[in-house]
């Protein structure tokens, strides 16, 4: 890198390649990946979401990670945020539950109520 222009070009190229920033008109799946989430198995949950979306060739959804969501005892946690901004918080997840959420919530627009935060407290 020999100039500011070259640095700007590298930055622009990197931003174009990062699809995680392109969330307009997409469903967002955000997985809590703080130490509490990782210890509870969030990595396999995140991988299952990404794999299932790819397997089903779903292009209108992205998977990303965040830090602590604040309710560690319910980890692994993922939030599905619809195009309209409506958020559904899923708790105590594993890879199979993540696959079911893709099939029912993402594909068929029917949240898996028994995995949501409200149901987990009962």
PDB file of N, CA and C in Angstrom:
ATOM      1  N   UNK A   1       0.854  -1.159   0.000  1.00  0.00           N
ATOM      2  CA  UNK A   1       0.000   0.000   0.000  1.00  0.00           C
ATOM      3  C   UNK A   1       0.908   1.232   0.000  1.00  0.00           C
ATOM      4  N   UNK A   2       0.706   2.047  -1.002  1.00  0.00           N
ATOM      5  CA  UNK A   2       1.596   3.186  -1.163  1.00  0.00           C
ATOM      6  C   UNK A   2       0.883   4.520  -1.145  1.00  0.00           C
ATOM      7  N   UNK A   3      -0.461   4.488  -1.113  1.00  0.00           N
ATOM      8  CA  UNK A   3      -1.178   5.761  -1.123  1.00  0.00           C
ATOM      9  C   UNK A   3      -2.518   5.636  -0.428  1.00  0.00           C
ATOM     10  N   UNK A   4      -3.095   6.786  -0.111  1.00  0.00           N
ATOM     11  CA  UNK A   4      -4.418   6.826   0.500  1.00  0.00           C
ATOM     12  C   UNK A   4      -5.456   6.294  -0.483  1.00  0.00           C
ATOM     13  N   UNK A   5      -5.275   6.577  -1.751  1.00  0.00           N
ATOM     14  CA  UNK A   5      -6.219   6.103  -2.770  1.00  0.00           C
ATOM     15  C   UNK A   5      -6.246   4.578  -2.820  1.00  0.00           C
ATOM     16  N   UNK A   6      -5.069   3.963  -2.690  1.00  0.00           N
ATOM     17  CA  UNK A   6      -5.000   2.505  -2.690  1.00  0.00           C
ATOM     18  C   UNK A   6      -5.712   1.933  -1.462  1.00  0.00           C
ATOM     19  N   UNK A   7      -5.542   2.577  -0.322  1.00  0.00           N
ATOM     20  CA  UNK A   7      -6.229   2.163   0.902  1.00  0.00           C
ATOM     21  C   UNK A   7      -7.740   2.285   0.747  1.00  0.00           C
ATOM     22  N   UNK A   8      -8.196   3.382   0.140  1.00  0.00           N
ATOM     23  CA  UNK A   8      -9.627   3.577  -0.101  1.00  0.00           C
ATOM     24  C   UNK A   8     -10.175   2.504  -1.029  1.00  0.00           C
ATOM     25  N   UNK A   9      -9.422   2.144  -2.046  1.00  0.00           N
ATOM     26  CA  UNK A   9      -9.861   1.102  -2.985  1.00  0.00           C
ATOM     27  C   UNK A   9     -10.000  -0.246  -2.277  1.00  0.00           C
ATOM     28  N   UNK A  10      -9.053  -0.564  -1.404  1.00  0.00           N
ATOM     29  CA  UNK A  10      -9.116  -1.812  -0.645  1.00  0.00           C
ATOM     30  C   UNK A  10     -10.334  -1.805   0.269  1.00  0.00           C
ATOM     31  N   UNK A  11     -10.596  -0.679   0.906  1.00  0.00           N
ATOM     32  CA  UNK A  11     -11.746  -0.551   1.798  1.00  0.00           C
ATOM     33  C   UNK A  11     -13.050  -0.746   1.039  1.00  0.00           C
ATOM     34  N   UNK A  12     -13.180  -0.096  -0.111  1.00  0.00           N
ATOM     35  CA  UNK A  12     -14.397  -0.217  -0.913  1.00  0.00           C
ATOM     36  C   UNK A  12     -14.624  -1.652  -1.367  1.00  0.00           C
ATOM     37  N   UNK A  13     -13.572  -2.317  -1.791  1.00  0.00           N
ATOM     38  CA  UNK A  13     -13.682  -3.707  -2.227  1.00  0.00           C
ATOM     39  C   UNK A  13     -14.141  -4.595  -1.076  1.00  0.00           C
ATOM     40  N   UNK A  14     -13.559  -4.393   0.101  1.00  0.00           N
ATOM     41  CA  UNK A  14     -13.929  -5.197   1.269  1.00  0.00           C
ATOM     42  C   UNK A  14     -15.384  -4.970   1.659  1.00  0.00           C
ATOM     43  N   UNK A  15     -15.839  -3.734   1.629  1.00  0.00           N
ATOM     44  CA  UNK A  15     -17.232  -3.434   1.981  1.00  0.00           C
ATOM     45  C   UNK A  15     -18.209  -4.076   1.011  1.00  0.00           C
ATOM     46  N   UNK A  16     -17.853  -4.118  -0.257  1.00  0.00           N
ATOM     47  CA  UNK A  16     -18.732  -4.752  -1.251  1.00  0.00           C
ATOM     48  C   UNK A  16     -18.817  -6.251  -1.039  1.00  0.00           C
ATOM     49  N   UNK A  17     -17.730  -6.846  -0.545  1.00  0.00           N
ATOM     50  CA  UNK A  17     -17.694  -8.294  -0.347  1.00  0.00           C
ATOM     51  C   UNK A  17     -18.387  -8.742   0.934  1.00  0.00           C
ATOM     52  N   UNK A  18     -18.610  -7.839   1.851  1.00  0.00           N
ATOM     53  CA  UNK A  18     -19.215  -8.203   3.138  1.00  0.00           C
ATOM     54  C   UNK A  18     -20.734  -8.138   2.995  1.00  0.00           C
ATOM     55  N   UNK A  19     -21.332  -9.276   2.753  1.00  0.00           N
ATOM     56  CA  UNK A  19     -22.785  -9.305   2.564  1.00  0.00           C
ATOM     57  C   UNK A  19     -23.538  -9.086   3.864  1.00  0.00           C
ATOM     58  N   UNK A  20     -22.863  -9.279   5.010  1.00  0.00           N
ATOM     59  CA  UNK A  20     -23.536  -9.110   6.297  1.00  0.00           C
ATOM     60  C   UNK A  20     -24.042  -7.679   6.457  1.00  0.00           C
ATOM     61  N   UNK A  21     -23.427  -6.749   5.773  1.00  0.00           N
ATOM     62  CA  UNK A  21     -23.841  -5.357   5.858  1.00  0.00           C
ATOM     63  C   UNK A  21     -25.043  -5.074   4.957  1.00  0.00           C
ATOM     64  N   UNK A  22     -25.348  -5.991   4.081  1.00  0.00           N
ATOM     65  CA  UNK A  22     -26.439  -5.813   3.139  1.00  0.00           C
ATOM     66  C   UNK A  22     -27.690  -6.483   3.700  1.00  0.00           C
ATOM     67  N   UNK A  23     -28.338  -5.815   4.631  1.00  0.00           N
ATOM     68  CA  UNK A  23     -29.501  -6.396   5.300  1.00  0.00           C
ATOM     69  C   UNK A  23     -30.826  -5.810   4.828  1.00  0.00           C
ATOM     70  N   UNK A  24     -30.791  -4.925   3.875  1.00  0.00           N
ATOM     71  CA  UNK A  24     -32.029  -4.312   3.401  1.00  0.00           C
ATOM     72  C   UNK A  24     -32.910  -5.379   2.755  1.00  0.00           C
ATOM     73  N   UNK A  25     -34.162  -5.428   3.188  1.00  0.00           N
ATOM     74  CA  UNK A  25     -35.139  -6.396   2.686  1.00  0.00           C
ATOM     75  C   UNK A  25     -34.714  -7.842   2.923  1.00  0.00           C
ATOM     76  N   UNK A  26     -34.001  -8.085   4.006  1.00  0.00           N
ATOM     77  CA  UNK A  26     -33.587  -9.443   4.351  1.00  0.00           C
ATOM     78  C   UNK A  26     -33.965  -9.745   5.787  1.00  0.00           C
ATOM     79  N   UNK A  27     -34.243 -11.002   6.026  1.00  0.00           N
ATOM     80  CA  UNK A  27     -34.465 -11.492   7.378  1.00  0.00           C
ATOM     81  C   UNK A  27     -33.081 -11.631   8.010  1.00  0.00           C
ATOM     82  N   UNK A  28     -32.961 -11.201   9.264  1.00  0.00           N
ATOM     83  CA  UNK A  28     -31.680 -11.314   9.959  1.00  0.00           C
ATOM     84  C   UNK A  28     -31.798 -12.326  11.081  1.00  0.00           C
ATOM     85  N   UNK A  29     -30.827 -13.215  11.146  1.00  0.00           N
ATOM     86  CA  UNK A  29     -30.715 -14.166  12.248  1.00  0.00           C
ATOM     87  C   UNK A  29     -29.454 -13.773  13.000  1.00  0.00           C
ATOM     88  N   UNK A  30     -29.617 -13.376  14.261  1.00  0.00           N
ATOM     89  CA  UNK A  30     -28.491 -12.898  15.061  1.00  0.00           C
ATOM     90  C   UNK A  30     -28.294 -13.872  16.216  1.00  0.00           C
ATOM     91  N   UNK A  31     -27.106 -14.463  16.286  1.00  0.00           N
ATOM     92  CA  UNK A  31     -26.799 -15.462  17.307  1.00  0.00           C
ATOM     93  C   UNK A  31     -25.880 -14.845  18.356  1.00  0.00           C
ATOM     94  N   UNK A  32     -26.236 -15.018  19.633  1.00  0.00           N
ATOM     95  CA  UNK A  32     -25.403 -14.533  20.736  1.00  0.00           C
ATOM     96  C   UNK A  32     -24.137 -15.366  20.845  1.00  0.00           C
ATOM     97  N   UNK A  33     -22.987 -14.720  20.604  1.00  0.00           N
ATOM     98  CA  UNK A  33     -21.717 -15.442  20.593  1.00  0.00           C
ATOM     99  C   UNK A  33     -20.727 -14.894  21.619  1.00  0.00           C
ATOM    100  N   UNK A  34     -21.241 -14.431  22.767  1.00  0.00           N
ATOM    101  CA  UNK A  34     -20.342 -14.068  23.868  1.00  0.00           C
ATOM    102  C   UNK A  34     -19.831 -15.373  24.491  1.00  0.00           C
ATOM    103  N   UNK A  35     -18.962 -15.273  25.470  1.00  0.00           N
ATOM    104  CA  UNK A  35     -18.401 -16.491  26.063  1.00  0.00           C
ATOM    105  C   UNK A  35     -19.482 -17.410  26.628  1.00  0.00           C
ATOM    106  N   UNK A  36     -20.537 -16.821  27.187  1.00  0.00           N
ATOM    107  CA  UNK A  36     -21.617 -17.651  27.746  1.00  0.00           C
ATOM    108  C   UNK A  36     -22.322 -18.430  26.636  1.00  0.00           C
ATOM    109  N   UNK A  37     -22.574 -17.788  25.518  1.00  0.00           N
ATOM    110  CA  UNK A  37     -23.219 -18.456  24.391  1.00  0.00           C
ATOM    111  C   UNK A  37     -22.341 -19.531  23.791  1.00  0.00           C
ATOM    112  N   UNK A  38     -21.076 -19.201  23.602  1.00  0.00           N
ATOM    113  CA  UNK A  38     -20.138 -20.174  23.023  1.00  0.00           C
ATOM    114  C   UNK A  38     -20.022 -21.393  23.929  1.00  0.00           C
ATOM    115  N   UNK A  39     -19.919 -21.164  25.228  1.00  0.00           N
ATOM    116  CA  UNK A  39     -19.820 -22.270  26.181  1.00  0.00           C
ATOM    117  C   UNK A  39     -21.063 -23.150  26.155  1.00  0.00           C
ATOM    118  N   UNK A  40     -22.210 -22.561  25.850  1.00  0.00           N
ATOM    119  CA  UNK A  40     -23.470 -23.308  25.819  1.00  0.00           C
ATOM    120  C   UNK A  40     -23.720 -23.987  24.475  1.00  0.00           C
ATOM    121  N   UNK A  41     -22.886 -23.714  23.462  1.00  0.00           N
ATOM    122  CA  UNK A  41     -23.040 -24.377  22.172  1.00  0.00           C
ATOM    123  C   UNK A  41     -23.493 -23.493  21.027  1.00  0.00           C
ATOM    124  N   UNK A  42     -23.343 -22.191  21.154  1.00  0.00           N
ATOM    125  CA  UNK A  42     -23.826 -21.269  20.125  1.00  0.00           C
ATOM    126  C   UNK A  42     -23.114 -21.427  18.786  1.00  0.00           C
ATOM    127  N   UNK A  43     -21.878 -21.890  18.800  1.00  0.00           N
ATOM    128  CA  UNK A  43     -21.149 -22.047  17.538  1.00  0.00           C
ATOM    129  C   UNK A  43     -21.845 -23.069  16.640  1.00  0.00           C
ATOM    130  N   UNK A  44     -22.262 -24.201  17.201  1.00  0.00           N
ATOM    131  CA  UNK A  44     -22.952 -25.208  16.388  1.00  0.00           C
ATOM    132  C   UNK A  44     -24.323 -24.703  15.936  1.00  0.00           C
ATOM    133  N   UNK A  45     -24.959 -23.873  16.758  1.00  0.00           N
ATOM    134  CA  UNK A  45     -26.249 -23.271  16.385  1.00  0.00           C
ATOM    135  C   UNK A  45     -26.062 -22.326  15.203  1.00  0.00           C
ATOM    136  N   UNK A  46     -25.056 -21.470  15.288  1.00  0.00           N
ATOM    137  CA  UNK A  46     -24.793 -20.534  14.196  1.00  0.00           C
ATOM    138  C   UNK A  46     -24.462 -21.288  12.908  1.00  0.00           C
ATOM    139  N   UNK A  47     -23.624 -22.312  13.010  1.00  0.00           N
ATOM    140  CA  UNK A  47     -23.281 -23.107  11.834  1.00  0.00           C
ATOM    141  C   UNK A  47     -24.509 -23.785  11.237  1.00  0.00           C
ATOM    142  N   UNK A  48     -25.392 -24.292  12.094  1.00  0.00           N
ATOM    143  CA  UNK A  48     -26.601 -24.967  11.612  1.00  0.00           C
ATOM    144  C   UNK A  48     -27.500 -23.992  10.863  1.00  0.00           C
ATOM    145  N   UNK A  49     -27.656 -22.770  11.376  1.00  0.00           N
ATOM    146  CA  UNK A  49     -28.441 -21.762  10.663  1.00  0.00           C
ATOM    147  C   UNK A  49     -27.841 -21.506   9.283  1.00  0.00           C
ATOM    148  N   UNK A  50     -26.541 -21.262   9.231  1.00  0.00           N
ATOM    149  CA  UNK A  50     -25.880 -20.953   7.960  1.00  0.00           C
ATOM    150  C   UNK A  50     -25.968 -22.118   6.983  1.00  0.00           C
ATOM    151  N   UNK A  51     -25.742 -23.329   7.469  1.00  0.00           N
ATOM    152  CA  UNK A  51     -25.792 -24.515   6.612  1.00  0.00           C
ATOM    153  C   UNK A  51     -27.200 -24.756   6.067  1.00  0.00           C
ATOM    154  N   UNK A  52     -28.196 -24.610   6.921  1.00  0.00           N
ATOM    155  CA  UNK A  52     -29.582 -24.851   6.488  1.00  0.00           C
ATOM    156  C   UNK A  52     -30.030 -23.812   5.467  1.00  0.00           C
ATOM    157  N   UNK A  53     -29.655 -22.547   5.673  1.00  0.00           N
ATOM    158  CA  UNK A  53     -29.985 -21.512   4.689  1.00  0.00           C
ATOM    159  C   UNK A  53     -29.329 -21.823   3.352  1.00  0.00           C
ATOM    160  N   UNK A  54     -28.065 -22.237   3.389  1.00  0.00           N
ATOM    161  CA  UNK A  54     -27.345 -22.566   2.154  1.00  0.00           C
ATOM    162  C   UNK A  54     -27.954 -23.794   1.481  1.00  0.00           C
ATOM    163  N   UNK A  55     -28.275 -24.821   2.271  1.00  0.00           N
ATOM    164  CA  UNK A  55     -28.853 -26.054   1.734  1.00  0.00           C
ATOM    165  C   UNK A  55     -30.176 -25.790   1.026  1.00  0.00           C
ATOM    166  N   UNK A  56     -30.950 -24.885   1.579  1.00  0.00           N
ATOM    167  CA  UNK A  56     -32.261 -24.559   1.000  1.00  0.00           C
ATOM    168  C   UNK A  56     -32.177 -23.422  -0.023  1.00  0.00           C
ATOM    169  N   UNK A  57     -30.956 -22.932  -0.254  1.00  0.00           N
ATOM    170  CA  UNK A  57     -30.728 -21.849  -1.220  1.00  0.00           C
ATOM    171  C   UNK A  57     -31.561 -20.610  -0.885  1.00  0.00           C
ATOM    172  N   UNK A  58     -31.592 -20.270   0.402  1.00  0.00           N
ATOM    173  CA  UNK A  58     -32.340 -19.107   0.866  1.00  0.00           C
ATOM    174  C   UNK A  58     -31.412 -17.895   0.831  1.00  0.00           C
ATOM    175  N   UNK A  59     -31.744 -16.922   0.017  1.00  0.00           N
ATOM    176  CA  UNK A  59     -30.890 -15.749  -0.165  1.00  0.00           C
ATOM    177  C   UNK A  59     -31.449 -14.498   0.491  1.00  0.00           C
ATOM    178  N   UNK A  60     -32.655 -14.577   1.050  1.00  0.00           N
ATOM    179  CA  UNK A  60     -33.253 -13.392   1.668  1.00  0.00           C
ATOM    180  C   UNK A  60     -33.071 -13.374   3.181  1.00  0.00           C
ATOM    181  N   UNK A  61     -32.056 -14.103   3.669  1.00  0.00           N
ATOM    182  CA  UNK A  61     -31.770 -14.128   5.106  1.00  0.00           C
ATOM    183  C   UNK A  61     -30.264 -14.127   5.317  1.00  0.00           C
ATOM    184  N   UNK A  62     -29.834 -13.443   6.373  1.00  0.00           N
ATOM    185  CA  UNK A  62     -28.422 -13.424   6.740  1.00  0.00           C
ATOM    186  C   UNK A  62     -28.260 -13.932   8.168  1.00  0.00           C
ATOM    187  N   UNK A  63     -27.105 -14.482   8.450  1.00  0.00           N
ATOM    188  CA  UNK A  63     -26.769 -14.935   9.791  1.00  0.00           C
ATOM    189  C   UNK A  63     -25.572 -14.113  10.256  1.00  0.00           C
ATOM    190  N   UNK A  64     -25.694 -13.554  11.449  1.00  0.00           N
ATOM    191  CA  UNK A  64     -24.578 -12.804  12.013  1.00  0.00           C
ATOM    192  C   UNK A  64     -24.487 -13.104  13.500  1.00  0.00           C
ATOM    193  N   UNK A  65     -23.444 -12.581  14.110  1.00  0.00           N
ATOM    194  CA  UNK A  65     -23.259 -12.815  15.542  1.00  0.00           C
ATOM    195  C   UNK A  65     -23.262 -11.492  16.291  1.00  0.00           C
ATOM    196  N   UNK A  66     -23.557 -11.607  17.559  1.00  0.00           N
ATOM    197  CA  UNK A  66     -23.509 -10.448  18.446  1.00  0.00           C
ATOM    198  C   UNK A  66     -22.867 -10.896  19.753  1.00  0.00           C
ATOM    199  N   UNK A  67     -22.654  -9.964  20.631  1.00  0.00           N
ATOM    200  CA  UNK A  67     -22.105 -10.281  21.949  1.00  0.00           C
ATOM    201  C   UNK A  67     -23.188 -10.773  22.876  1.00  0.00           C
ATOM    202  N   UNK A  68     -23.030 -10.500  24.122  1.00  0.00           N
ATOM    203  CA  UNK A  68     -23.963 -10.972  25.138  1.00  0.00           C
ATOM    204  C   UNK A  68     -25.340 -10.324  24.966  1.00  0.00           C
ATOM    205  N   UNK A  69     -26.364 -11.148  24.954  1.00  0.00           N
ATOM    206  CA  UNK A  69     -27.735 -10.658  24.841  1.00  0.00           C
ATOM    207  C   UNK A  69     -28.293 -10.344  26.228  1.00  0.00           C
ATOM    208  N   UNK A  70     -27.685 -10.915  27.266  1.00  0.00           N
ATOM    209  CA  UNK A  70     -28.028 -10.529  28.628  1.00  0.00           C
ATOM    210  C   UNK A  70     -28.830 -11.530  29.435  1.00  0.00           C
ATOM    211  N   UNK A  71     -29.135 -12.655  28.869  1.00  0.00           N
ATOM    212  CA  UNK A  71     -29.871 -13.673  29.620  1.00  0.00           C
ATOM    213  C   UNK A  71     -29.129 -15.008  29.488  1.00  0.00           C
ATOM    214  N   UNK A  72     -27.974 -15.046  30.094  1.00  0.00           N
ATOM    215  CA  UNK A  72     -27.025 -16.150  29.929  1.00  0.00           C
ATOM    216  C   UNK A  72     -27.614 -17.520  30.276  1.00  0.00           C
ATOM    217  N   UNK A  73     -28.496 -17.559  31.219  1.00  0.00           N
ATOM    218  CA  UNK A  73     -29.055 -18.856  31.629  1.00  0.00           C
ATOM    219  C   UNK A  73     -29.910 -19.494  30.543  1.00  0.00           C
ATOM    220  N   UNK A  74     -30.270 -18.739  29.502  1.00  0.00           N
ATOM    221  CA  UNK A  74     -31.101 -19.261  28.416  1.00  0.00           C
ATOM    222  C   UNK A  74     -30.309 -19.496  27.124  1.00  0.00           C
ATOM    223  N   UNK A  75     -28.982 -19.405  27.201  1.00  0.00           N
ATOM    224  CA  UNK A  75     -28.139 -19.627  26.025  1.00  0.00           C
ATOM    225  C   UNK A  75     -28.215 -21.080  25.566  1.00  0.00           C
ATOM    226  N   UNK A  76     -27.920 -21.297  24.324  1.00  0.00           N
ATOM    227  CA  UNK A  76     -27.704 -20.411  23.192  1.00  0.00           C
ATOM    228  C   UNK A  76     -28.985 -19.681  22.774  1.00  0.00           C
ATOM    229  N   UNK A  77     -28.806 -18.421  22.396  1.00  0.00           N
ATOM    230  CA  UNK A  77     -29.922 -17.546  22.028  1.00  0.00           C
ATOM    231  C   UNK A  77     -29.727 -17.050  20.602  1.00  0.00           C
ATOM    232  N   UNK A  78     -30.829 -16.962  19.860  1.00  0.00           N
ATOM    233  CA  UNK A  78     -30.804 -16.348  18.527  1.00  0.00           C
ATOM    234  C   UNK A  78     -32.054 -15.496  18.381  1.00  0.00           C
ATOM    235  N   UNK A  79     -31.900 -14.398  17.678  1.00  0.00           N
ATOM    236  CA  UNK A  79     -33.038 -13.529  17.377  1.00  0.00           C
ATOM    237  C   UNK A  79     -33.265 -13.542  15.873  1.00  0.00           C
ATOM    238  N   UNK A  80     -34.508 -13.732  15.487  1.00  0.00           N
ATOM    239  CA  UNK A  80     -34.885 -13.637  14.082  1.00  0.00           C
ATOM    240  C   UNK A  80     -35.607 -12.311  13.921  1.00  0.00           C
ATOM    241  N   UNK A  81     -35.039 -11.464  13.086  1.00  0.00           N
ATOM    242  CA  UNK A  81     -35.592 -10.127  12.871  1.00  0.00           C
ATOM    243  C   UNK A  81     -36.108 -10.073  11.445  1.00  0.00           C
ATOM    244  N   UNK A  82     -37.422  -9.948  11.325  1.00  0.00           N
ATOM    245  CA  UNK A  82     -38.057  -9.932  10.012  1.00  0.00           C
ATOM    246  C   UNK A  82     -37.781  -8.654   9.252  1.00  0.00           C
ATOM    247  N   UNK A  83     -38.131  -8.654   7.992  1.00  0.00           N
ATOM    248  CA  UNK A  83     -37.961  -7.483   7.137  1.00  0.00           C
ATOM    249  C   UNK A  83     -38.704  -6.288   7.724  1.00  0.00           C
ATOM    250  N   UNK A  84     -39.832  -6.564   8.389  1.00  0.00           N
ATOM    251  CA  UNK A  84     -40.640  -5.497   8.991  1.00  0.00           C
ATOM    252  C   UNK A  84     -40.091  -5.041  10.352  1.00  0.00           C
ATOM    253  N   UNK A  85     -38.999  -5.656  10.817  1.00  0.00           N
ATOM    254  CA  UNK A  85     -38.399  -5.280  12.089  1.00  0.00           C
ATOM    255  C   UNK A  85     -38.910  -6.080  13.279  1.00  0.00           C
ATOM    256  N   UNK A  86     -39.891  -6.929  13.067  1.00  0.00           N
ATOM    257  CA  UNK A  86     -40.420  -7.740  14.159  1.00  0.00           C
ATOM    258  C   UNK A  86     -39.378  -8.762  14.598  1.00  0.00           C
ATOM    259  N   UNK A  87     -39.156  -8.831  15.918  1.00  0.00           N
ATOM    260  CA  UNK A  87     -38.113  -9.698  16.457  1.00  0.00           C
ATOM    261  C   UNK A  87     -38.721 -10.845  17.247  1.00  0.00           C
ATOM    262  N   UNK A  88     -38.201 -12.044  16.996  1.00  0.00           N
ATOM    263  CA  UNK A  88     -38.555 -13.227  17.762  1.00  0.00           C
ATOM    264  C   UNK A  88     -37.281 -13.744  18.406  1.00  0.00           C
ATOM    265  N   UNK A  89     -37.305 -13.908  19.725  1.00  0.00           N
ATOM    266  CA  UNK A  89     -36.122 -14.372  20.445  1.00  0.00           C
ATOM    267  C   UNK A  89     -36.292 -15.843  20.788  1.00  0.00           C
ATOM    268  N   UNK A  90     -35.346 -16.641  20.295  1.00  0.00           N
ATOM    269  CA  UNK A  90     -35.337 -18.084  20.551  1.00  0.00           C
ATOM    270  C   UNK A  90     -34.255 -18.402  21.570  1.00  0.00           C
ATOM    271  N   UNK A  91     -34.554 -19.318  22.497  1.00  0.00           N
ATOM    272  CA  UNK A  91     -33.630 -19.629  23.593  1.00  0.00           C
ATOM    273  C   UNK A  91     -33.419 -21.133  23.725  1.00  0.00           C
ATOM    274  N   UNK A  92     -32.353 -21.472  24.463  1.00  0.00           N
ATOM    275  CA  UNK A  92     -31.995 -22.871  24.738  1.00  0.00           C
ATOM    276  C   UNK A  92     -31.922 -23.682  23.450  1.00  0.00           C
ATOM    277  N   UNK A  93     -31.202 -23.135  22.477  1.00  0.00           N
ATOM    278  CA  UNK A  93     -31.145 -23.744  21.155  1.00  0.00           C
ATOM    279  C   UNK A  93     -30.063 -24.805  21.036  1.00  0.00           C
ATOM    280  N   UNK A  94     -30.230 -25.628  20.014  1.00  0.00           N
ATOM    281  CA  UNK A  94     -29.194 -26.544  19.559  1.00  0.00           C
ATOM    282  C   UNK A  94     -29.297 -26.578  18.035  1.00  0.00           C
ATOM    283  N   UNK A  95     -28.447 -27.351  17.393  1.00  0.00           N
ATOM    284  CA  UNK A  95     -28.412 -27.360  15.926  1.00  0.00           C
ATOM    285  C   UNK A  95     -29.740 -27.822  15.316  1.00  0.00           C
ATOM    286  N   UNK A  96     -30.354 -28.836  15.890  1.00  0.00           N
ATOM    287  CA  UNK A  96     -31.636 -29.327  15.355  1.00  0.00           C
ATOM    288  C   UNK A  96     -32.733 -28.270  15.463  1.00  0.00           C
ATOM    289  N   UNK A  97     -32.772 -27.580  16.584  1.00  0.00           N
ATOM    290  CA  UNK A  97     -33.771 -26.521  16.751  1.00  0.00           C
ATOM    291  C   UNK A  97     -33.531 -25.404  15.736  1.00  0.00           C
ATOM    292  N   UNK A  98     -32.268 -25.086  15.473  1.00  0.00           N
ATOM    293  CA  UNK A  98     -31.946 -24.048  14.482  1.00  0.00           C
ATOM    294  C   UNK A  98     -32.462 -24.458  13.102  1.00  0.00           C
ATOM    295  N   UNK A  99     -32.262 -25.711  12.741  1.00  0.00           N
ATOM    296  CA  UNK A  99     -32.759 -26.194  11.435  1.00  0.00           C
ATOM    297  C   UNK A  99     -34.289 -26.104  11.359  1.00  0.00           C
ATOM    298  N   UNK A 100     -34.946 -26.440  12.455  1.00  0.00           N
ATOM    299  CA  UNK A 100     -36.410 -26.354  12.485  1.00  0.00           C
ATOM    300  C   UNK A 100     -36.879 -24.902  12.370  1.00  0.00           C
ATOM    301  N   UNK A 101     -36.171 -23.977  13.002  1.00  0.00           N
ATOM    302  CA  UNK A 101     -36.520 -22.558  12.907  1.00  0.00           C
ATOM    303  C   UNK A 101     -36.418 -22.086  11.463  1.00  0.00           C
ATOM    304  N   UNK A 102     -35.385 -22.530  10.753  1.00  0.00           N
ATOM    305  CA  UNK A 102     -35.272 -22.164   9.329  1.00  0.00           C
ATOM    306  C   UNK A 102     -36.464 -22.721   8.558  1.00  0.00           C
ATOM    307  N   UNK A 103     -36.765 -23.986   8.769  1.00  0.00           N
ATOM    308  CA  UNK A 103     -37.856 -24.622   8.023  1.00  0.00           C
ATOM    309  C   UNK A 103     -39.204 -23.985   8.310  1.00  0.00           C
ATOM    310  N   UNK A 104     -39.494 -23.727   9.561  1.00  0.00           N
ATOM    311  CA  UNK A 104     -40.826 -23.238   9.912  1.00  0.00           C
ATOM    312  C   UNK A 104     -40.935 -21.717   9.926  1.00  0.00           C
ATOM    313  N   UNK A 105     -39.973 -21.040  10.532  1.00  0.00           N
ATOM    314  CA  UNK A 105     -40.083 -19.588  10.660  1.00  0.00           C
ATOM    315  C   UNK A 105     -39.622 -18.882   9.388  1.00  0.00           C
ATOM    316  N   UNK A 106     -38.449 -19.231   8.894  1.00  0.00           N
ATOM    317  CA  UNK A 106     -37.913 -18.532   7.728  1.00  0.00           C
ATOM    318  C   UNK A 106     -38.655 -18.929   6.460  1.00  0.00           C
ATOM    319  N   UNK A 107     -38.855 -20.209   6.244  1.00  0.00           N
ATOM    320  CA  UNK A 107     -39.503 -20.672   5.007  1.00  0.00           C
ATOM    321  C   UNK A 107     -41.010 -20.477   5.047  1.00  0.00           C
ATOM    322  N   UNK A 108     -41.650 -20.892   6.135  1.00  0.00           N
ATOM    323  CA  UNK A 108     -43.120 -20.884   6.194  1.00  0.00           C
ATOM    324  C   UNK A 108     -43.717 -19.735   7.002  1.00  0.00           C
ATOM    325  N   UNK A 109     -42.888 -18.820   7.488  1.00  0.00           N
ATOM    326  CA  UNK A 109     -43.332 -17.651   8.256  1.00  0.00           C
ATOM    327  C   UNK A 109     -44.176 -18.012   9.472  1.00  0.00           C
ATOM    328  N   UNK A 110     -43.862 -19.139  10.128  1.00  0.00           N
ATOM    329  CA  UNK A 110     -44.568 -19.552  11.342  1.00  0.00           C
ATOM    330  C   UNK A 110     -43.543 -19.743  12.450  1.00  0.00           C
ATOM    331  N   UNK A 111     -43.421 -18.767  13.353  1.00  0.00           N
ATOM    332  CA  UNK A 111     -42.449 -18.913  14.443  1.00  0.00           C
ATOM    333  C   UNK A 111     -42.659 -20.210  15.226  1.00  0.00           C
ATOM    334  N   UNK A 112     -41.570 -20.776  15.690  1.00  0.00           N
ATOM    335  CA  UNK A 112     -41.611 -22.002  16.490  1.00  0.00           C
ATOM    336  C   UNK A 112     -41.799 -21.562  17.937  1.00  0.00           C
ATOM    337  N   UNK A 113     -43.039 -21.400  18.326  1.00  0.00           N
ATOM    338  CA  UNK A 113     -43.400 -20.777  19.604  1.00  0.00           C
ATOM    339  C   UNK A 113     -42.772 -21.477  20.800  1.00  0.00           C
ATOM    340  N   UNK A 114     -42.685 -22.796  20.778  1.00  0.00           N
ATOM    341  CA  UNK A 114     -42.158 -23.487  21.958  1.00  0.00           C
ATOM    342  C   UNK A 114     -40.674 -23.232  22.213  1.00  0.00           C
ATOM    343  N   UNK A 115     -39.953 -22.655  21.263  1.00  0.00           N
ATOM    344  CA  UNK A 115     -38.545 -22.306  21.468  1.00  0.00           C
ATOM    345  C   UNK A 115     -38.358 -20.835  21.827  1.00  0.00           C
ATOM    346  N   UNK A 116     -39.419 -20.072  21.917  1.00  0.00           N
ATOM    347  CA  UNK A 116     -39.290 -18.635  22.173  1.00  0.00           C
ATOM    348  C   UNK A 116     -39.104 -18.356  23.655  1.00  0.00           C
ATOM    349  N   UNK A 117     -38.629 -17.158  23.928  1.00  0.00           N
ATOM    350  CA  UNK A 117     -38.306 -16.771  25.304  1.00  0.00           C
ATOM    351  C   UNK A 117     -39.528 -16.848  26.221  1.00  0.00           C
ATOM    352  N   UNK A 118     -40.681 -16.501  25.765  1.00  0.00           N
ATOM    353  CA  UNK A 118     -41.884 -16.543  26.584  1.00  0.00           C
ATOM    354  C   UNK A 118     -42.251 -17.953  27.009  1.00  0.00           C
ATOM    355  N   UNK A 119     -42.054 -18.897  26.116  1.00  0.00           N
ATOM    356  CA  UNK A 119     -42.395 -20.295  26.409  1.00  0.00           C
ATOM    357  C   UNK A 119     -41.342 -20.949  27.304  1.00  0.00           C
ATOM    358  N   UNK A 120     -40.095 -20.532  27.173  1.00  0.00           N
ATOM    359  CA  UNK A 120     -39.013 -21.142  27.956  1.00  0.00           C
ATOM    360  C   UNK A 120     -39.139 -20.821  29.442  1.00  0.00           C
ATOM    361  N   UNK A 121     -39.821 -19.760  29.756  1.00  0.00           N
ATOM    362  CA  UNK A 121     -39.983 -19.332  31.151  1.00  0.00           C
ATOM    363  C   UNK A 121     -41.097 -20.099  31.867  1.00  0.00           C
ATOM    364  N   UNK A 122     -41.897 -20.842  31.133  1.00  0.00           N
ATOM    365  CA  UNK A 122     -43.020 -21.556  31.759  1.00  0.00           C
ATOM    366  C   UNK A 122     -42.574 -22.814  32.444  1.00  0.00           C
TER     367      UNK A 122
END
